[in-house]
Amino acid sequence: NKSQILNQCGQGWSTSYAGSATVDGVKVSKVHQNSSNESNTYYIESGQTPFIVRVSGNPSSKNSGDLVFSDFNVQPTIAAPAGAIPISQFEQ
């Protein structure tokens, strides 16, 4: 819920609920954070598991931009590449 998400945000940041929206058809809650150095908006999926689906930086900042997590809630396929050597063989 909104209160739990806001309580888990970093210290030294001013954090506030910024409303709701839709990102690629997914209903999200927007959480806005400000610090003395930067400003970001987090778009958090409104379902059972609150995945972050997008982060937007302050458009007036030189480091602004969007980071979109398009594969949230998808379990990755993890497999070693062909010819991989286990790191345990290098430990002494």
Protein backbone atom coordinates (compact mmCIF):
# COMPACT_ATOMS: atom_id res chain seq x y z
CA ASN A 1 0.00 0.00 0.00
CA LYS A 2 1.04 3.64 -0.31
CA SER A 3 2.06 4.00 3.34
CA GLN A 4 4.37 0.98 3.25
CA ILE A 5 6.05 2.15 0.06
CA LEU A 6 6.61 5.68 1.39
CA ASN A 7 7.99 4.33 4.69
CA GLN A 8 10.57 2.24 2.82
CA CYS A 9 11.94 5.18 0.82
CA GLY A 10 15.41 6.52 1.60
CA GLN A 11 16.20 8.95 4.38
CA GLY A 12 17.25 12.44 3.41
CA TRP A 13 14.58 12.47 0.71
CA SER A 14 11.27 14.26 0.70
CA THR A 15 8.83 11.58 -0.45
CA SER A 16 5.19 12.02 -1.46
CA TYR A 17 2.40 10.17 -3.20
CA ALA A 18 1.92 11.78 -6.64
CA GLY A 19 -1.27 10.09 -7.84
CA SER A 20 -2.00 7.22 -10.18
CA ALA A 21 -1.27 6.59 -13.85
CA THR A 22 -0.93 3.84 -16.45
CA VAL A 23 2.39 2.66 -17.88
CA ASP A 24 2.10 0.37 -20.93
CA GLY A 25 -1.39 -0.69 -19.83
CA VAL A 26 -0.34 -1.35 -16.21
CA LYS A 27 -2.04 0.61 -13.43
CA VAL A 28 0.59 2.28 -11.24
CA SER A 29 0.95 4.58 -8.26
CA LYS A 30 3.39 7.45 -8.62
CA VAL A 31 5.80 8.25 -5.80
CA HIS A 32 7.87 11.42 -6.08
CA GLN A 33 11.17 11.92 -4.23
CA ASN A 34 13.26 15.07 -3.88
CA SER A 35 16.67 15.57 -2.33
CA SER A 36 19.02 18.51 -2.46
CA ASN A 37 20.70 16.91 -5.53
CA GLU A 38 17.99 15.20 -7.55
CA SER A 39 14.33 14.58 -8.12
CA ASN A 40 12.76 11.32 -9.31
CA THR A 41 9.30 9.88 -9.87
CA TYR A 42 8.77 6.14 -9.37
CA TYR A 43 5.87 4.36 -11.08
CA ILE A 44 4.96 1.36 -8.95
CA GLU A 45 2.62 -1.42 -10.10
CA SER A 46 -0.64 -1.27 -8.15
CA GLY A 47 -1.25 -5.04 -7.93
CA GLN A 48 -0.35 -7.65 -5.30
CA THR A 49 3.42 -7.23 -5.77
CA PRO A 50 4.49 -3.58 -6.04
CA PHE A 51 7.10 -3.82 -8.81
CA ILE A 52 8.75 -0.60 -9.97
CA VAL A 53 7.88 -0.39 -13.67
CA ARG A 54 9.39 3.02 -14.50
CA VAL A 55 11.67 5.67 -12.99
CA SER A 56 11.69 9.20 -14.38
CA GLY A 57 14.29 11.80 -13.53
CA ASN A 58 13.61 15.50 -13.26
CA PRO A 59 13.28 16.84 -16.83
CA SER A 60 15.13 20.04 -15.90
CA SER A 61 18.20 18.08 -14.72
CA LYS A 62 21.13 17.26 -17.01
CA ASN A 63 20.84 13.63 -15.83
CA SER A 64 17.13 13.31 -16.60
CA GLY A 65 15.56 10.45 -18.45
CA ASP A 66 13.32 7.41 -18.11
CA LEU A 67 14.19 3.89 -17.09
CA VAL A 68 11.42 1.44 -18.00
CA PHE A 69 11.34 -2.08 -16.56
CA SER A 70 9.32 -3.85 -19.24
CA ASP A 71 9.83 -7.43 -17.98
CA PHE A 72 8.77 -7.00 -14.35
CA ASN A 73 7.03 -10.02 -12.83
CA VAL A 74 8.76 -12.31 -15.36
CA GLN A 75 11.06 -15.01 -14.03
CA PRO A 76 14.35 -14.87 -15.96
CA THR A 77 15.82 -17.93 -17.63
CA ILE A 78 19.24 -18.41 -16.08
CA ALA A 79 21.67 -20.76 -17.78
CA ALA A 80 25.45 -20.79 -18.06
CA PRO A 81 26.75 -20.02 -21.55
CA ALA A 82 28.36 -22.84 -23.52
CA GLY A 83 31.92 -23.46 -22.35
CA ALA A 84 31.53 -21.59 -19.07
CA ILE A 85 33.98 -22.51 -16.31
CA PRO A 86 32.57 -22.52 -12.75
CA ILE A 87 34.23 -19.88 -10.59
CA SER A 88 34.78 -22.53 -7.90
CA GLN A 89 37.60 -23.90 -10.09
CA PHE A 90 39.51 -20.63 -9.60
CA GLU A 91 39.20 -20.43 -5.82
CA GLN A 92 42.29 -21.33 -3.81
